[in-house]
Amino acid sequence: FRTYSNLLITFLLGGIWHGAGWTFIFWGLLHGVALAVHRFWKRAGFTMPTLLAWFTTFLFINVSWVFFRAAEWGDAIKVLKGMVGLSEIVLTPRLENYFHTFSSWGGISFGRVTEYIGGGYEVLLSIVAGLAIVILLPNSNSFREKKMTLWYILAASLLFSYAVIKSFASSAEVFLYFNF
């Protein structure tokens, strides 16, 4: 029990360190609870299929980081509702013939799928490319064990250059830790 309470306290303090708002504190608490559950799960000898564990972790991280980025609770709830489709759902006009009945229920419209995504298709392509990199390329531990080939160096250089150019070209907020 002491290990679990230490995890909660540590991550609550981590949340407070990142910001004085309740959303930061809740973000820290979520991570502390997740690690406590993970340790309990592991000590109890439970197992989970790798793909399911990977997907569960992915979902948890996506949901918990909403609280980190939200200015207040209302913003976090609005984003979470959008993530699970409890707000506007936009379907391509080609599907209107199949789903026109459901559009009268509200919350479903037909138009450009990327209508509410800043950056449009470029963002979707970036997400697909990132997912492909995560799934197809080795993780950092196995990457260190492999010999660096020209292909890896070139791909990493191109991705890094693209990220730097896009970060300077956009009017996005400054990275949080650059303020310290």
N, C-alpha and C. Protein backbone atom coordinates (compact mmCIF):
# COMPACT_ATOMS: atom_id res chain seq x y z
N PHE A 1 0.83 -1.20 0.00
CA PHE A 1 0.00 0.00 0.00
C PHE A 1 0.87 1.26 0.00
N ARG A 2 2.00 1.17 0.68
CA ARG A 2 2.89 2.33 0.76
C ARG A 2 3.42 2.73 -0.61
N THR A 3 3.76 1.74 -1.43
CA THR A 3 4.25 2.00 -2.79
C THR A 3 3.20 2.74 -3.61
N TYR A 4 1.94 2.31 -3.48
CA TYR A 4 0.87 2.93 -4.26
C TYR A 4 0.63 4.37 -3.80
N SER A 5 0.64 4.62 -2.51
CA SER A 5 0.43 5.98 -2.03
C SER A 5 1.61 6.88 -2.41
N ASN A 6 2.83 6.33 -2.43
CA ASN A 6 3.98 7.11 -2.87
C ASN A 6 3.85 7.50 -4.34
N LEU A 7 3.35 6.58 -5.15
CA LEU A 7 3.13 6.89 -6.56
C LEU A 7 2.12 8.03 -6.72
N LEU A 8 1.02 7.93 -5.98
CA LEU A 8 -0.01 8.97 -6.07
C LEU A 8 0.53 10.33 -5.63
N ILE A 9 1.24 10.36 -4.52
CA ILE A 9 1.81 11.62 -4.02
C ILE A 9 2.82 12.18 -5.02
N THR A 10 3.68 11.33 -5.53
CA THR A 10 4.69 11.79 -6.49
C THR A 10 4.05 12.40 -7.73
N PHE A 11 3.05 11.73 -8.26
CA PHE A 11 2.44 12.24 -9.49
C PHE A 11 1.51 13.43 -9.22
N LEU A 12 0.91 13.50 -8.05
CA LEU A 12 0.17 14.72 -7.69
C LEU A 12 1.12 15.91 -7.63
N LEU A 13 2.28 15.70 -7.03
CA LEU A 13 3.29 16.77 -6.99
C LEU A 13 3.76 17.12 -8.40
N GLY A 14 3.90 16.11 -9.26
CA GLY A 14 4.27 16.37 -10.64
C GLY A 14 3.22 17.21 -11.36
N GLY A 15 1.95 16.95 -11.07
CA GLY A 15 0.86 17.75 -11.64
C GLY A 15 0.91 19.19 -11.16
N ILE A 16 1.16 19.36 -9.86
CA ILE A 16 1.27 20.72 -9.29
C ILE A 16 2.47 21.44 -9.88
N TRP A 17 3.57 20.73 -10.09
CA TRP A 17 4.77 21.35 -10.64
C TRP A 17 4.51 21.88 -12.05
N HIS A 18 3.72 21.14 -12.82
CA HIS A 18 3.44 21.57 -14.19
C HIS A 18 2.49 22.76 -14.26
N GLY A 19 1.68 22.95 -13.26
CA GLY A 19 0.76 24.09 -13.26
C GLY A 19 -0.10 24.09 -12.02
N ALA A 20 -0.59 25.27 -11.68
CA ALA A 20 -1.34 25.42 -10.44
C ALA A 20 -2.83 25.17 -10.62
N GLY A 21 -3.26 24.75 -11.79
CA GLY A 21 -4.68 24.52 -12.02
C GLY A 21 -5.10 23.10 -11.66
N TRP A 22 -6.41 22.93 -11.46
CA TRP A 22 -6.94 21.63 -11.12
C TRP A 22 -6.75 20.61 -12.24
N THR A 23 -6.73 21.10 -13.48
CA THR A 23 -6.54 20.16 -14.59
C THR A 23 -5.16 19.51 -14.54
N PHE A 24 -4.14 20.28 -14.13
CA PHE A 24 -2.80 19.72 -14.00
C PHE A 24 -2.74 18.72 -12.85
N ILE A 25 -3.39 19.06 -11.76
CA ILE A 25 -3.41 18.17 -10.60
C ILE A 25 -4.12 16.86 -10.96
N PHE A 26 -5.23 16.98 -11.68
CA PHE A 26 -5.97 15.79 -12.10
C PHE A 26 -5.14 14.95 -13.07
N TRP A 27 -4.41 15.61 -13.98
CA TRP A 27 -3.51 14.91 -14.90
C TRP A 27 -2.48 14.10 -14.11
N GLY A 28 -1.88 14.71 -13.09
CA GLY A 28 -0.92 13.99 -12.26
C GLY A 28 -1.55 12.83 -11.52
N LEU A 29 -2.74 13.06 -10.97
CA LEU A 29 -3.46 12.00 -10.26
C LEU A 29 -3.77 10.83 -11.19
N LEU A 30 -4.23 11.13 -12.40
CA LEU A 30 -4.53 10.06 -13.36
C LEU A 30 -3.30 9.19 -13.62
N HIS A 31 -2.15 9.83 -13.81
CA HIS A 31 -0.93 9.06 -14.07
C HIS A 31 -0.50 8.25 -12.86
N GLY A 32 -0.65 8.81 -11.67
CA GLY A 32 -0.33 8.06 -10.45
C GLY A 32 -1.23 6.84 -10.29
N VAL A 33 -2.52 7.03 -10.53
CA VAL A 33 -3.46 5.91 -10.43
C VAL A 33 -3.13 4.85 -11.49
N ALA A 34 -2.81 5.29 -12.71
CA ALA A 34 -2.48 4.34 -13.77
C ALA A 34 -1.26 3.50 -13.41
N LEU A 35 -0.23 4.14 -12.87
CA LEU A 35 0.96 3.38 -12.48
C LEU A 35 0.68 2.44 -11.31
N ALA A 36 -0.14 2.89 -10.37
CA ALA A 36 -0.51 2.02 -9.24
C ALA A 36 -1.28 0.80 -9.73
N VAL A 37 -2.23 1.01 -10.65
CA VAL A 37 -3.00 -0.10 -11.21
C VAL A 37 -2.07 -1.04 -11.97
N HIS A 38 -1.14 -0.47 -12.73
CA HIS A 38 -0.18 -1.29 -13.49
C HIS A 38 0.65 -2.16 -12.54
N ARG A 39 1.17 -1.58 -11.48
CA ARG A 39 1.99 -2.36 -10.53
C ARG A 39 1.17 -3.43 -9.84
N PHE A 40 -0.06 -3.07 -9.44
CA PHE A 40 -0.92 -4.06 -8.80
C PHE A 40 -1.22 -5.20 -9.77
N TRP A 41 -1.53 -4.85 -11.00
CA TRP A 41 -1.85 -5.83 -12.05
C TRP A 41 -0.69 -6.79 -12.25
N LYS A 42 0.52 -6.21 -12.33
CA LYS A 42 1.72 -7.02 -12.56
C LYS A 42 2.03 -7.93 -11.37
N ARG A 43 1.92 -7.41 -10.16
CA ARG A 43 2.19 -8.20 -8.96
C ARG A 43 1.17 -9.31 -8.77
N ALA A 44 -0.06 -9.07 -9.22
CA ALA A 44 -1.11 -10.09 -9.10
C ALA A 44 -0.93 -11.19 -10.14
N GLY A 45 -0.02 -10.96 -11.11
CA GLY A 45 0.25 -11.97 -12.12
C GLY A 45 -0.72 -11.96 -13.28
N PHE A 46 -1.51 -10.90 -13.40
CA PHE A 46 -2.44 -10.80 -14.53
C PHE A 46 -1.66 -10.47 -15.80
N THR A 47 -2.18 -10.93 -16.92
CA THR A 47 -1.58 -10.60 -18.21
C THR A 47 -2.67 -10.10 -19.15
N MET A 48 -2.23 -9.45 -20.18
CA MET A 48 -3.14 -8.92 -21.19
C MET A 48 -2.46 -9.11 -22.55
N PRO A 49 -3.22 -9.40 -23.58
CA PRO A 49 -2.61 -9.49 -24.91
C PRO A 49 -1.88 -8.19 -25.25
N THR A 50 -0.75 -8.31 -25.89
CA THR A 50 0.11 -7.15 -26.16
C THR A 50 -0.62 -6.06 -26.92
N LEU A 51 -1.36 -6.42 -27.95
CA LEU A 51 -2.06 -5.42 -28.74
C LEU A 51 -3.10 -4.68 -27.90
N LEU A 52 -3.81 -5.39 -27.05
CA LEU A 52 -4.80 -4.77 -26.18
C LEU A 52 -4.13 -3.85 -25.15
N ALA A 53 -3.00 -4.28 -24.61
CA ALA A 53 -2.25 -3.45 -23.66
C ALA A 53 -1.75 -2.18 -24.33
N TRP A 54 -1.25 -2.31 -25.55
CA TRP A 54 -0.76 -1.16 -26.30
C TRP A 54 -1.89 -0.18 -26.57
N PHE A 55 -3.04 -0.69 -27.00
CA PHE A 55 -4.20 0.15 -27.31
C PHE A 55 -4.73 0.83 -26.05
N THR A 56 -4.80 0.10 -24.94
CA THR A 56 -5.28 0.67 -23.68
C THR A 56 -4.36 1.81 -23.21
N THR A 57 -3.08 1.60 -23.31
CA THR A 57 -2.12 2.64 -22.94
C THR A 57 -2.28 3.86 -23.85
N PHE A 58 -2.41 3.63 -25.13
CA PHE A 58 -2.60 4.71 -26.09
C PHE A 58 -3.85 5.53 -25.75
N LEU A 59 -4.96 4.86 -25.49
CA LEU A 59 -6.20 5.57 -25.13
C LEU A 59 -6.05 6.35 -23.83
N PHE A 60 -5.44 5.72 -22.84
CA PHE A 60 -5.26 6.39 -21.55
C PHE A 60 -4.43 7.67 -21.71
N ILE A 61 -3.33 7.57 -22.42
CA ILE A 61 -2.46 8.73 -22.60
C ILE A 61 -3.20 9.84 -23.34
N ASN A 62 -3.94 9.49 -24.38
CA ASN A 62 -4.69 10.51 -25.12
C ASN A 62 -5.73 11.20 -24.26
N VAL A 63 -6.43 10.44 -23.45
CA VAL A 63 -7.46 11.04 -22.58
C VAL A 63 -6.83 11.87 -21.48
N SER A 64 -5.80 11.36 -20.84
CA SER A 64 -5.21 12.08 -19.71
C SER A 64 -4.54 13.38 -20.14
N TRP A 65 -3.94 13.39 -21.33
CA TRP A 65 -3.27 14.62 -21.78
C TRP A 65 -4.25 15.71 -22.18
N VAL A 66 -5.50 15.37 -22.37
CA VAL A 66 -6.51 16.40 -22.60
C VAL A 66 -6.57 17.33 -21.39
N PHE A 67 -6.48 16.76 -20.20
CA PHE A 67 -6.53 17.58 -18.99
C PHE A 67 -5.28 18.44 -18.84
N PHE A 68 -4.15 17.95 -19.31
CA PHE A 68 -2.92 18.72 -19.23
C PHE A 68 -3.00 19.97 -20.10
N ARG A 69 -3.58 19.85 -21.29
CA ARG A 69 -3.63 20.97 -22.23
C ARG A 69 -4.83 21.88 -22.04
N ALA A 70 -5.86 21.41 -21.34
CA ALA A 70 -7.08 22.21 -21.19
C ALA A 70 -6.85 23.38 -20.23
N ALA A 71 -7.42 24.52 -20.58
CA ALA A 71 -7.32 25.70 -19.72
C ALA A 71 -8.19 25.53 -18.47
N GLU A 72 -9.31 24.84 -18.62
CA GLU A 72 -10.21 24.60 -17.49
C GLU A 72 -11.03 23.34 -17.74
N TRP A 73 -11.78 22.93 -16.72
CA TRP A 73 -12.55 21.68 -16.79
C TRP A 73 -13.48 21.65 -17.99
N GLY A 74 -14.19 22.75 -18.22
CA GLY A 74 -15.15 22.79 -19.32
C GLY A 74 -14.50 22.50 -20.67
N ASP A 75 -13.31 23.03 -20.86
CA ASP A 75 -12.58 22.78 -22.11
C ASP A 75 -12.23 21.30 -22.25
N ALA A 76 -11.78 20.70 -21.15
CA ALA A 76 -11.41 19.28 -21.18
C ALA A 76 -12.63 18.41 -21.50
N ILE A 77 -13.75 18.72 -20.88
CA ILE A 77 -14.97 17.93 -21.12
C ILE A 77 -15.42 18.09 -22.57
N LYS A 78 -15.33 19.30 -23.10
CA LYS A 78 -15.71 19.53 -24.50
C LYS A 78 -14.85 18.71 -25.45
N VAL A 79 -13.55 18.67 -25.20
CA VAL A 79 -12.64 17.89 -26.05
C VAL A 79 -12.93 16.40 -25.92
N LEU A 80 -13.13 15.93 -24.69
CA LEU A 80 -13.42 14.51 -24.48
C LEU A 80 -14.72 14.10 -25.17
N LYS A 81 -15.74 14.96 -25.10
CA LYS A 81 -16.99 14.66 -25.81
C LYS A 81 -16.74 14.56 -27.31
N GLY A 82 -15.93 15.46 -27.83
CA GLY A 82 -15.60 15.41 -29.25
C GLY A 82 -14.83 14.16 -29.62
N MET A 83 -13.97 13.69 -28.72
CA MET A 83 -13.17 12.50 -29.00
C MET A 83 -14.02 11.24 -29.11
N VAL A 84 -15.13 11.20 -28.40
CA VAL A 84 -15.97 10.00 -28.44
C VAL A 84 -17.21 10.20 -29.32
N GLY A 85 -17.25 11.33 -30.05
CA GLY A 85 -18.34 11.54 -31.00
C GLY A 85 -19.61 12.08 -30.39
N LEU A 86 -19.55 12.71 -29.22
CA LEU A 86 -20.74 13.27 -28.61
C LEU A 86 -20.99 14.71 -29.04
N SER A 87 -20.22 15.17 -29.99
CA SER A 87 -20.48 16.48 -30.58
C SER A 87 -20.67 16.26 -32.07
N GLU A 88 -20.38 17.23 -32.86
CA GLU A 88 -20.59 17.14 -34.30
C GLU A 88 -19.78 16.02 -34.95
N ILE A 89 -20.43 15.20 -35.75
CA ILE A 89 -19.77 14.18 -36.54
C ILE A 89 -19.94 14.57 -38.00
N VAL A 90 -18.84 14.67 -38.72
CA VAL A 90 -18.89 15.06 -40.12
C VAL A 90 -18.54 13.84 -40.97
N LEU A 91 -19.44 13.50 -41.87
CA LEU A 91 -19.22 12.38 -42.79
C LEU A 91 -19.08 12.93 -44.21
N THR A 92 -18.34 12.23 -45.01
CA THR A 92 -18.16 12.64 -46.40
C THR A 92 -19.50 12.65 -47.12
N PRO A 93 -19.69 13.58 -48.06
CA PRO A 93 -20.97 13.66 -48.77
C PRO A 93 -21.35 12.37 -49.50
N ARG A 94 -20.38 11.56 -49.87
CA ARG A 94 -20.68 10.28 -50.54
C ARG A 94 -21.51 9.34 -49.66
N LEU A 95 -21.45 9.53 -48.34
CA LEU A 95 -22.20 8.67 -47.43
C LEU A 95 -23.60 9.20 -47.11
N GLU A 96 -23.92 10.37 -47.65
CA GLU A 96 -25.22 10.99 -47.32
C GLU A 96 -26.40 10.12 -47.70
N ASN A 97 -26.31 9.43 -48.84
CA ASN A 97 -27.41 8.57 -49.28
C ASN A 97 -27.66 7.43 -48.29
N TYR A 98 -26.61 6.97 -47.62
CA TYR A 98 -26.75 5.85 -46.68
C TYR A 98 -27.17 6.29 -45.29
N PHE A 99 -26.75 7.50 -44.88
CA PHE A 99 -26.96 7.93 -43.50
C PHE A 99 -27.86 9.16 -43.37
N HIS A 100 -28.56 9.55 -44.44
CA HIS A 100 -29.36 10.77 -44.38
C HIS A 100 -30.44 10.71 -43.31
N THR A 101 -30.94 9.52 -42.99
CA THR A 101 -31.96 9.37 -41.95
C THR A 101 -31.41 9.79 -40.59
N PHE A 102 -30.13 9.45 -40.33
CA PHE A 102 -29.54 9.75 -39.04
C PHE A 102 -29.22 11.23 -38.88
N SER A 103 -29.11 11.98 -39.98
CA SER A 103 -28.77 13.39 -39.86
C SER A 103 -29.87 14.17 -39.16
N SER A 104 -31.10 13.68 -39.19
CA SER A 104 -32.19 14.37 -38.49
C SER A 104 -32.08 14.22 -36.99
N TRP A 105 -31.29 13.28 -36.50
CA TRP A 105 -31.10 13.10 -35.07
C TRP A 105 -30.24 14.21 -34.48
N GLY A 106 -29.53 14.92 -35.32
CA GLY A 106 -28.65 15.99 -34.86
C GLY A 106 -27.25 15.46 -34.60
N GLY A 107 -26.29 16.33 -34.79
CA GLY A 107 -24.90 15.95 -34.53
C GLY A 107 -24.20 15.29 -35.70
N ILE A 108 -24.95 15.00 -36.79
CA ILE A 108 -24.33 14.42 -37.97
C ILE A 108 -24.57 15.37 -39.14
N SER A 109 -23.49 15.73 -39.79
CA SER A 109 -23.60 16.56 -40.99
C SER A 109 -22.72 15.96 -42.07
N PHE A 110 -22.88 16.45 -43.27
CA PHE A 110 -22.13 15.92 -44.41
C PHE A 110 -21.36 17.06 -45.04
N GLY A 111 -20.08 16.85 -45.23
CA GLY A 111 -19.22 17.87 -45.80
C GLY A 111 -17.79 17.38 -45.82
N ARG A 112 -16.86 18.32 -45.83
CA ARG A 112 -15.45 17.97 -45.81
C ARG A 112 -15.11 17.34 -44.46
N VAL A 113 -14.57 16.15 -44.47
CA VAL A 113 -14.28 15.41 -43.23
C VAL A 113 -13.31 16.18 -42.34
N THR A 114 -12.43 16.93 -42.95
CA THR A 114 -11.44 17.69 -42.18
C THR A 114 -11.90 19.10 -41.83
N GLU A 115 -13.19 19.34 -41.92
CA GLU A 115 -13.74 20.69 -41.71
C GLU A 115 -13.36 21.28 -40.35
N TYR A 116 -13.35 20.47 -39.31
CA TYR A 116 -13.07 20.97 -37.97
C TYR A 116 -11.65 20.67 -37.50
N ILE A 117 -10.81 20.23 -38.42
CA ILE A 117 -9.42 19.94 -38.07
C ILE A 117 -8.55 21.04 -38.62
N GLY A 118 -7.88 21.77 -37.75
CA GLY A 118 -6.94 22.79 -38.21
C GLY A 118 -5.82 22.12 -38.98
N GLY A 119 -5.55 22.57 -40.18
CA GLY A 119 -4.51 21.95 -40.99
C GLY A 119 -5.05 20.94 -41.97
N GLY A 120 -6.31 20.55 -41.82
CA GLY A 120 -6.97 19.67 -42.78
C GLY A 120 -6.28 18.35 -43.00
N TYR A 121 -6.16 17.99 -44.27
CA TYR A 121 -5.61 16.69 -44.64
C TYR A 121 -4.14 16.55 -44.26
N GLU A 122 -3.43 17.65 -44.16
CA GLU A 122 -2.02 17.58 -43.75
C GLU A 122 -1.91 16.98 -42.35
N VAL A 123 -2.84 17.34 -41.47
CA VAL A 123 -2.83 16.77 -40.12
C VAL A 123 -3.15 15.28 -40.17
N LEU A 124 -4.14 14.90 -40.96
CA LEU A 124 -4.48 13.48 -41.07
C LEU A 124 -3.32 12.67 -41.64
N LEU A 125 -2.66 13.21 -42.65
CA LEU A 125 -1.51 12.51 -43.22
C LEU A 125 -0.37 12.41 -42.20
N SER A 126 -0.18 13.45 -41.40
CA SER A 126 0.85 13.41 -40.36
C SER A 126 0.53 12.33 -39.32
N ILE A 127 -0.74 12.20 -38.97
CA ILE A 127 -1.14 11.18 -38.00
C ILE A 127 -0.89 9.79 -38.57
N VAL A 128 -1.27 9.57 -39.82
CA VAL A 128 -1.05 8.27 -40.46
C VAL A 128 0.44 7.97 -40.56
N ALA A 129 1.23 8.98 -40.95
CA ALA A 129 2.68 8.77 -41.06
C ALA A 129 3.28 8.46 -39.70
N GLY A 130 2.86 9.19 -38.67
CA GLY A 130 3.36 8.93 -37.32
C GLY A 130 3.00 7.54 -36.84
N LEU A 131 1.77 7.13 -37.10
CA LEU A 131 1.34 5.79 -36.70
C LEU A 131 2.16 4.73 -37.43
N ALA A 132 2.42 4.95 -38.71
CA ALA A 132 3.24 4.00 -39.47
C ALA A 132 4.65 3.92 -38.89
N ILE A 133 5.22 5.06 -38.51
CA ILE A 133 6.56 5.07 -37.92
C ILE A 133 6.57 4.30 -36.61
N VAL A 134 5.56 4.54 -35.78
CA VAL A 134 5.49 3.87 -34.47
C VAL A 134 5.33 2.36 -34.63
N ILE A 135 4.52 1.95 -35.57
CA ILE A 135 4.24 0.52 -35.74
C ILE A 135 5.36 -0.20 -36.50
N LEU A 136 5.87 0.41 -37.55
CA LEU A 136 6.80 -0.29 -38.43
C LEU A 136 8.27 -0.19 -38.02
N LEU A 137 8.66 0.91 -37.39
CA LEU A 137 10.06 1.07 -37.03
C LEU A 137 10.31 0.54 -35.62
N PRO A 138 11.51 0.12 -35.35
CA PRO A 138 11.82 -0.41 -34.02
C PRO A 138 11.74 0.68 -32.95
N ASN A 139 11.52 0.25 -31.71
CA ASN A 139 11.48 1.23 -30.63
C ASN A 139 12.90 1.69 -30.29
N SER A 140 13.01 2.64 -29.39
CA SER A 140 14.32 3.24 -29.12
C SER A 140 15.33 2.23 -28.56
N ASN A 141 14.88 1.27 -27.79
CA ASN A 141 15.82 0.28 -27.24
C ASN A 141 16.39 -0.61 -28.34
N SER A 142 15.56 -1.13 -29.20
CA SER A 142 16.08 -1.99 -30.26
C SER A 142 16.78 -1.16 -31.33
N PHE A 143 16.42 0.11 -31.45
CA PHE A 143 17.06 0.99 -32.42
C PHE A 143 18.54 1.18 -32.08
N ARG A 144 18.84 1.27 -30.79
CA ARG A 144 20.23 1.45 -30.36
C ARG A 144 21.08 0.22 -30.65
N GLU A 145 20.46 -0.93 -30.71
CA GLU A 145 21.20 -2.17 -30.95
C GLU A 145 21.51 -2.37 -32.43
N LYS A 146 20.82 -1.66 -33.31
CA LYS A 146 21.01 -1.84 -34.74
C LYS A 146 22.07 -0.88 -35.27
N LYS A 147 22.69 -1.29 -36.34
CA LYS A 147 23.67 -0.44 -36.99
C LYS A 147 22.92 0.65 -37.77
N MET A 148 23.37 1.86 -37.65
CA MET A 148 22.74 2.98 -38.35
C MET A 148 23.02 2.84 -39.84
N THR A 149 21.97 2.80 -40.62
CA THR A 149 22.13 2.74 -42.06
C THR A 149 21.84 4.10 -42.66
N LEU A 150 22.21 4.28 -43.87
CA LEU A 150 21.95 5.54 -44.55
C LEU A 150 20.46 5.83 -44.61
N TRP A 151 19.63 4.79 -44.78
CA TRP A 151 18.18 4.95 -44.82
C TRP A 151 17.65 5.54 -43.52
N TYR A 152 18.07 5.01 -42.37
CA TYR A 152 17.61 5.53 -41.07
C TYR A 152 18.07 6.97 -40.88
N ILE A 153 19.31 7.25 -41.21
CA ILE A 153 19.84 8.61 -41.04
C ILE A 153 19.08 9.59 -41.93
N LEU A 154 18.84 9.22 -43.17
CA LEU A 154 18.13 10.08 -44.10
C LEU A 154 16.68 10.31 -43.65
N ALA A 155 15.99 9.24 -43.27
CA ALA A 155 14.60 9.36 -42.83
C ALA A 155 14.50 10.21 -41.57
N ALA A 156 15.37 9.99 -40.61
CA ALA A 156 15.35 10.77 -39.37
C ALA A 156 15.67 12.23 -39.66
N SER A 157 16.62 12.49 -40.53
CA SER A 157 16.98 13.86 -40.88
C SER A 157 15.84 14.59 -41.56
N LEU A 158 15.16 13.89 -42.47
CA LEU A 158 14.02 14.50 -43.16
C LEU A 158 12.88 14.80 -42.20
N LEU A 159 12.56 13.86 -41.34
CA LEU A 159 11.49 14.09 -40.36
C LEU A 159 11.84 15.23 -39.41
N PHE A 160 13.06 15.24 -38.94
CA PHE A 160 13.49 16.30 -38.04
C PHE A 160 13.44 17.66 -38.74
N SER A 161 13.94 17.73 -39.96
CA SER A 161 13.92 18.99 -40.72
C SER A 161 12.50 19.47 -40.95
N TYR A 162 11.61 18.56 -41.32
CA TYR A 162 10.21 18.92 -41.54
C TYR A 162 9.60 19.48 -40.25
N ALA A 163 9.86 18.83 -39.13
CA ALA A 163 9.30 19.29 -37.85
C ALA A 163 9.82 20.68 -37.49
N VAL A 164 11.11 20.92 -37.69
CA VAL A 164 11.69 22.23 -37.36
C VAL A 164 11.10 23.30 -38.26
N ILE A 165 11.02 23.04 -39.56
CA ILE A 165 10.48 24.02 -40.50
C ILE A 165 9.02 24.34 -40.16
N LYS A 166 8.22 23.31 -39.89
CA LYS A 166 6.81 23.53 -39.56
C LYS A 166 6.66 24.28 -38.24
N SER A 167 7.52 24.04 -37.28
CA SER A 167 7.39 24.72 -35.99
C SER A 167 7.72 26.20 -36.11
N PHE A 168 8.67 26.56 -36.97
CA PHE A 168 9.00 27.97 -37.16
C PHE A 168 8.02 28.66 -38.10
N ALA A 169 7.42 27.91 -39.01
CA ALA A 169 6.52 28.50 -39.99
C ALA A 169 5.12 28.75 -39.42
N SER A 170 4.75 28.04 -38.38
CA SER A 170 3.40 28.19 -37.83
C SER A 170 3.38 29.26 -36.75
N SER A 171 2.19 29.70 -36.45
CA SER A 171 2.03 30.69 -35.39
C SER A 171 1.54 30.02 -34.11
N ALA A 172 1.87 28.75 -33.97
CA ALA A 172 1.44 27.98 -32.80
C ALA A 172 2.11 28.50 -31.54
N GLU A 173 1.57 28.10 -30.42
CA GLU A 173 2.14 28.49 -29.14
C GLU A 173 3.56 27.98 -29.00
N VAL A 174 4.32 28.66 -28.19
CA VAL A 174 5.69 28.25 -27.92
C VAL A 174 5.64 27.00 -27.05
N PHE A 175 6.53 26.05 -27.31
CA PHE A 175 6.61 24.82 -26.52
C PHE A 175 6.72 25.18 -25.04
N LEU A 176 5.95 24.51 -24.21
CA LEU A 176 5.81 24.82 -22.80
C LEU A 176 7.15 25.01 -22.09
N TYR A 177 8.10 24.11 -22.29
CA TYR A 177 9.35 24.16 -21.53
C TYR A 177 10.32 25.20 -22.06
N PHE A 178 10.03 25.84 -23.19
CA PHE A 178 10.88 26.93 -23.65
C PHE A 178 10.68 28.18 -22.78
N ASN A 179 9.62 28.21 -21.98
CA ASN A 179 9.33 29.36 -21.13
C ASN A 179 10.15 29.36 -19.84
N PHE A 180 10.87 28.29 -19.56
CA PHE A 180 11.61 28.23 -18.30
C PHE A 180 13.03 28.69 -18.48
